[in-house]
Amino acid sequence: MRIVIQRVSEASVTVADQIVGEIGPGYVALVGVTHDDGRQQAEWLARKVAGLRLFEDEQGRTNRSLADVGGAVLVVSQFTLYADARKGRRPSFTKAAPPDQAEPLIEYFIECLRAEGAQVATGVFRAHMQVSLINDGPVTLILDR
């Protein structure tokens, strides 16, 4: 699994002109799944995301977690994280897991995040989504497992 995580002051996902998920301060997590991913990767990444200390403390150090600041996570499925654009001009997506494998694993990742105590909002799997966010910092990390 691969996650691009951005610290945000707010974010939302819109599908067919309807907001389907929105958060205030927290993280946007763009989540991609590849063929050999399983529940172990989802569990590890959920613990990692929930425990990351990316929010500033009184001294301006990134020393606070989601729980410390009452933040939330907006999870958006993103198969294009496994695009391969090394050859030609059209990316290959063969490294991305098929939807019937990816969707349950992303749902399990969301379940694991909630079990870690995170507030979670989501996009809609396989939908055309518009993601709006205000990246705070900017702070952006790539997590692989």
C-alpha atoms as a PDB file:
ATOM      1  CA  MET A   1       0.000   0.000   0.000  1.00  0.00           C
ATOM      2  CA  ARG A   2       1.077   3.532  -0.674  1.00  0.00           C
ATOM      3  CA  ILE A   3      -0.317   6.627   0.994  1.00  0.00           C
ATOM      4  CA  VAL A   4       0.274  10.263   0.225  1.00  0.00           C
ATOM      5  CA  ILE A   5      -0.650  12.125   3.382  1.00  0.00           C
ATOM      6  CA  GLN A   6      -1.107  15.871   3.575  1.00  0.00           C
ATOM      7  CA  ARG A   7      -1.637  17.903   6.720  1.00  0.00           C
ATOM      8  CA  VAL A   8      -4.626  20.142   6.069  1.00  0.00           C
ATOM      9  CA  SER A   9      -6.566  22.869   7.800  1.00  0.00           C
ATOM     10  CA  GLU A  10      -9.676  21.640   5.962  1.00  0.00           C
ATOM     11  CA  ALA A  11     -10.611  19.316   3.105  1.00  0.00           C
ATOM     12  CA  SER A  12     -13.607  17.893   1.284  1.00  0.00           C
ATOM     13  CA  VAL A  13     -14.526  15.426  -1.455  1.00  0.00           C
ATOM     14  CA  THR A  14     -17.320  16.081  -3.921  1.00  0.00           C
ATOM     15  CA  VAL A  15     -19.014  13.491  -6.158  1.00  0.00           C
ATOM     16  CA  ALA A  16     -21.664  14.558  -8.688  1.00  0.00           C
ATOM     17  CA  ASP A  17     -21.904  18.028  -7.111  1.00  0.00           C
ATOM     18  CA  GLN A  18     -22.500  16.577  -3.622  1.00  0.00           C
ATOM     19  CA  ILE A  19     -20.026  16.786  -0.762  1.00  0.00           C
ATOM     20  CA  VAL A  20     -19.578  13.190   0.386  1.00  0.00           C
ATOM     21  CA  GLY A  21     -16.819  13.724   2.947  1.00  0.00           C
ATOM     22  CA  GLU A  22     -15.279  16.692   4.709  1.00  0.00           C
ATOM     23  CA  ILE A  23     -12.990  17.423   7.624  1.00  0.00           C
ATOM     24  CA  GLY A  24     -11.491  20.342   9.483  1.00  0.00           C
ATOM     25  CA  PRO A  25      -7.880  20.117  10.657  1.00  0.00           C
ATOM     26  CA  GLY A  26      -6.245  16.756  10.025  1.00  0.00           C
ATOM     27  CA  TYR A  27      -4.897  14.705   7.144  1.00  0.00           C
ATOM     28  CA  VAL A  28      -5.948  13.917   3.622  1.00  0.00           C
ATOM     29  CA  ALA A  29      -4.791  10.367   2.913  1.00  0.00           C
ATOM     30  CA  LEU A  30      -4.662   9.349  -0.749  1.00  0.00           C
ATOM     31  CA  VAL A  31      -4.483   5.550  -0.621  1.00  0.00           C
ATOM     32  CA  GLY A  32      -3.288   3.182  -3.348  1.00  0.00           C
ATOM     33  CA  VAL A  33      -3.209  -0.613  -3.261  1.00  0.00           C
ATOM     34  CA  THR A  34      -0.948  -2.947  -5.232  1.00  0.00           C
ATOM     35  CA  HIS A  35      -1.304  -6.674  -5.959  1.00  0.00           C
ATOM     36  CA  ASP A  36       0.556  -8.154  -2.995  1.00  0.00           C
ATOM     37  CA  ASP A  37      -0.971  -5.914  -0.315  1.00  0.00           C
ATOM     38  CA  GLY A  38      -3.016  -7.410   2.490  1.00  0.00           C
ATOM     39  CA  ARG A  39      -4.511  -6.740   5.882  1.00  0.00           C
ATOM     40  CA  GLN A  40      -1.097  -6.566   7.558  1.00  0.00           C
ATOM     41  CA  GLN A  41      -0.105  -3.550   5.441  1.00  0.00           C
ATOM     42  CA  ALA A  42      -3.434  -1.836   6.132  1.00  0.00           C
ATOM     43  CA  GLU A  43      -3.087  -2.367   9.890  1.00  0.00           C
ATOM     44  CA  TRP A  44       0.496  -1.086   9.975  1.00  0.00           C
ATOM     45  CA  LEU A  45      -0.332   2.004   7.921  1.00  0.00           C
ATOM     46  CA  ALA A  46      -3.417   2.800  10.007  1.00  0.00           C
ATOM     47  CA  ARG A  47      -1.303   2.711  13.182  1.00  0.00           C
ATOM     48  CA  LYS A  48       1.344   4.835  11.474  1.00  0.00           C
ATOM     49  CA  VAL A  49      -1.115   7.473  10.216  1.00  0.00           C
ATOM     50  CA  ALA A  50      -2.955   7.675  13.544  1.00  0.00           C
ATOM     51  CA  GLY A  51       0.301   8.008  15.466  1.00  0.00           C
ATOM     52  CA  LEU A  52       2.176  10.437  13.231  1.00  0.00           C
ATOM     53  CA  ARG A  53       3.157  13.636  15.000  1.00  0.00           C
ATOM     54  CA  LEU A  54       2.806  16.251  12.280  1.00  0.00           C
ATOM     55  CA  PHE A  55       1.108  19.052  14.206  1.00  0.00           C
ATOM     56  CA  GLU A  56       3.038  21.785  15.947  1.00  0.00           C
ATOM     57  CA  ASP A  57       3.330  22.128  19.705  1.00  0.00           C
ATOM     58  CA  GLU A  58       3.837  25.361  21.661  1.00  0.00           C
ATOM     59  CA  GLN A  59       7.494  25.489  20.583  1.00  0.00           C
ATOM     60  CA  GLY A  60       6.637  25.113  16.887  1.00  0.00           C
ATOM     61  CA  ARG A  61       7.913  21.530  16.682  1.00  0.00           C
ATOM     62  CA  THR A  62       5.952  18.859  14.848  1.00  0.00           C
ATOM     63  CA  ASN A  63       5.214  16.987  18.027  1.00  0.00           C
ATOM     64  CA  ARG A  64       1.418  16.492  18.167  1.00  0.00           C
ATOM     65  CA  SER A  65      -0.700  13.692  16.719  1.00  0.00           C
ATOM     66  CA  LEU A  66      -4.239  13.681  15.340  1.00  0.00           C
ATOM     67  CA  ALA A  67      -5.597  12.727  18.749  1.00  0.00           C
ATOM     68  CA  ASP A  68      -3.645  15.539  20.411  1.00  0.00           C
ATOM     69  CA  VAL A  69      -5.282  18.172  18.195  1.00  0.00           C
ATOM     70  CA  GLY A  70      -8.700  16.526  17.724  1.00  0.00           C
ATOM     71  CA  GLY A  71      -8.014  16.109  14.004  1.00  0.00           C
ATOM     72  CA  ALA A  72      -9.611  13.821  11.424  1.00  0.00           C
ATOM     73  CA  VAL A  73      -8.568  11.902   8.309  1.00  0.00           C
ATOM     74  CA  LEU A  74     -10.171  12.191   4.882  1.00  0.00           C
ATOM     75  CA  VAL A  75      -9.397   8.915   3.057  1.00  0.00           C
ATOM     76  CA  VAL A  76      -9.548   8.959  -0.736  1.00  0.00           C
ATOM     77  CA  SER A  77      -8.810   5.896  -2.881  1.00  0.00           C
ATOM     78  CA  GLN A  78      -6.140   6.686  -5.476  1.00  0.00           C
ATOM     79  CA  PHE A  79      -5.111   3.843  -7.806  1.00  0.00           C
ATOM     80  CA  THR A  80      -2.937   6.282  -9.775  1.00  0.00           C
ATOM     81  CA  LEU A  81      -0.369   6.189  -6.953  1.00  0.00           C
ATOM     82  CA  TYR A  82       0.859   3.005  -8.619  1.00  0.00           C
ATOM     83  CA  ALA A  83       1.182   4.542 -12.092  1.00  0.00           C
ATOM     84  CA  ASP A  84       4.369   3.817 -14.022  1.00  0.00           C
ATOM     85  CA  ALA A  85       5.264   6.690 -16.339  1.00  0.00           C
ATOM     86  CA  ARG A  86       8.867   5.717 -17.110  1.00  0.00           C
ATOM     87  CA  LYS A  87       8.099   4.773 -20.715  1.00  0.00           C
ATOM     88  CA  GLY A  88       6.155   6.767 -23.245  1.00  0.00           C
ATOM     89  CA  ARG A  89       3.636   9.450 -22.392  1.00  0.00           C
ATOM     90  CA  ARG A  90       0.708   7.348 -21.212  1.00  0.00           C
ATOM     91  CA  PRO A  91       1.167   5.877 -17.707  1.00  0.00           C
ATOM     92  CA  SER A  92       0.664   2.183 -17.076  1.00  0.00           C
ATOM     93  CA  PHE A  93      -1.524   1.228 -14.127  1.00  0.00           C
ATOM     94  CA  THR A  94      -0.738  -2.504 -14.080  1.00  0.00           C
ATOM     95  CA  LYS A  95       0.873  -2.242 -10.625  1.00  0.00           C
ATOM     96  CA  ALA A  96      -2.421  -1.057  -9.120  1.00  0.00           C
ATOM     97  CA  ALA A  97      -4.568  -3.800  -7.606  1.00  0.00           C
ATOM     98  CA  PRO A  98      -7.889  -4.514  -9.329  1.00  0.00           C
ATOM     99  CA  PRO A  99     -10.954  -2.900  -7.738  1.00  0.00           C
ATOM    100  CA  ASP A 100     -12.256  -6.158  -6.213  1.00  0.00           C
ATOM    101  CA  GLN A 101      -8.997  -6.462  -4.262  1.00  0.00           C
ATOM    102  CA  ALA A 102      -8.379  -2.768  -3.547  1.00  0.00           C
ATOM    103  CA  GLU A 103     -11.808  -1.724  -2.272  1.00  0.00           C
ATOM    104  CA  PRO A 104     -12.054  -4.189   0.646  1.00  0.00           C
ATOM    105  CA  LEU A 105      -8.492  -3.389   1.679  1.00  0.00           C
ATOM    106  CA  ILE A 106      -9.141   0.361   1.688  1.00  0.00           C
ATOM    107  CA  GLU A 107     -12.311  -0.273   3.702  1.00  0.00           C
ATOM    108  CA  TYR A 108     -10.267  -2.342   6.141  1.00  0.00           C
ATOM    109  CA  PHE A 109      -7.686   0.462   6.393  1.00  0.00           C
ATOM    110  CA  ILE A 110     -10.527   2.871   7.271  1.00  0.00           C
ATOM    111  CA  GLU A 111     -11.829   0.401   9.874  1.00  0.00           C
ATOM    112  CA  CYS A 112      -8.338   0.141  11.382  1.00  0.00           C
ATOM    113  CA  LEU A 113      -7.975   3.935  11.497  1.00  0.00           C
ATOM    114  CA  ARG A 114     -11.272   4.175  13.382  1.00  0.00           C
ATOM    115  CA  ALA A 115     -10.116   1.420  15.758  1.00  0.00           C
ATOM    116  CA  GLU A 116      -7.068   3.614  16.468  1.00  0.00           C
ATOM    117  CA  GLY A 117      -9.487   6.347  17.552  1.00  0.00           C
ATOM    118  CA  ALA A 118      -9.314   8.483  14.408  1.00  0.00           C
ATOM    119  CA  GLN A 119     -12.308  10.361  13.074  1.00  0.00           C
ATOM    120  CA  VAL A 120     -12.579   9.360   9.403  1.00  0.00           C
ATOM    121  CA  ALA A 121     -14.426  10.760   6.395  1.00  0.00           C
ATOM    122  CA  THR A 122     -14.141   9.206   2.941  1.00  0.00           C
ATOM    123  CA  GLY A 123     -14.553   9.654  -0.751  1.00  0.00           C
ATOM    124  CA  VAL A 124     -16.434   7.140  -2.910  1.00  0.00           C
ATOM    125  CA  PHE A 125     -14.496   4.197  -4.345  1.00  0.00           C
ATOM    126  CA  ARG A 126     -14.333   4.213  -8.186  1.00  0.00           C
ATOM    127  CA  ALA A 127     -16.196   7.531  -8.411  1.00  0.00           C
ATOM    128  CA  HIS A 128     -14.937  10.606 -10.207  1.00  0.00           C
ATOM    129  CA  MET A 129     -14.097  12.855  -7.262  1.00  0.00           C
ATOM    130  CA  GLN A 130     -13.078  16.445  -6.777  1.00  0.00           C
ATOM    131  CA  VAL A 131     -10.835  16.822  -3.745  1.00  0.00           C
ATOM    132  CA  SER A 132     -10.492  20.284  -2.234  1.00  0.00           C
ATOM    133  CA  LEU A 133      -7.969  20.945   0.477  1.00  0.00           C
ATOM    134  CA  ILE A 134      -5.877  23.560   2.131  1.00  0.00           C
ATOM    135  CA  ASN A 135      -2.471  21.989   2.714  1.00  0.00           C
ATOM    136  CA  ASP A 136      -1.191  23.329   6.018  1.00  0.00           C
ATOM    137  CA  GLY A 137       2.536  23.966   5.978  1.00  0.00           C
ATOM    138  CA  PRO A 138       2.712  22.555   3.368  1.00  0.00           C
ATOM    139  CA  VAL A 139       3.296  19.155   4.928  1.00  0.00           C
ATOM    140  CA  THR A 140       3.183  16.132   2.603  1.00  0.00           C
ATOM    141  CA  LEU A 141       4.555  12.623   3.244  1.00  0.00           C
ATOM    142  CA  ILE A 142       4.643   9.407   1.241  1.00  0.00           C
ATOM    143  CA  LEU A 143       4.177   6.206   3.246  1.00  0.00           C
ATOM    144  CA  ASP A 144       4.835   2.766   1.726  1.00  0.00           C
ATOM    145  CA  ARG A 145       4.355  -0.626   3.285  1.00  0.00           C
END
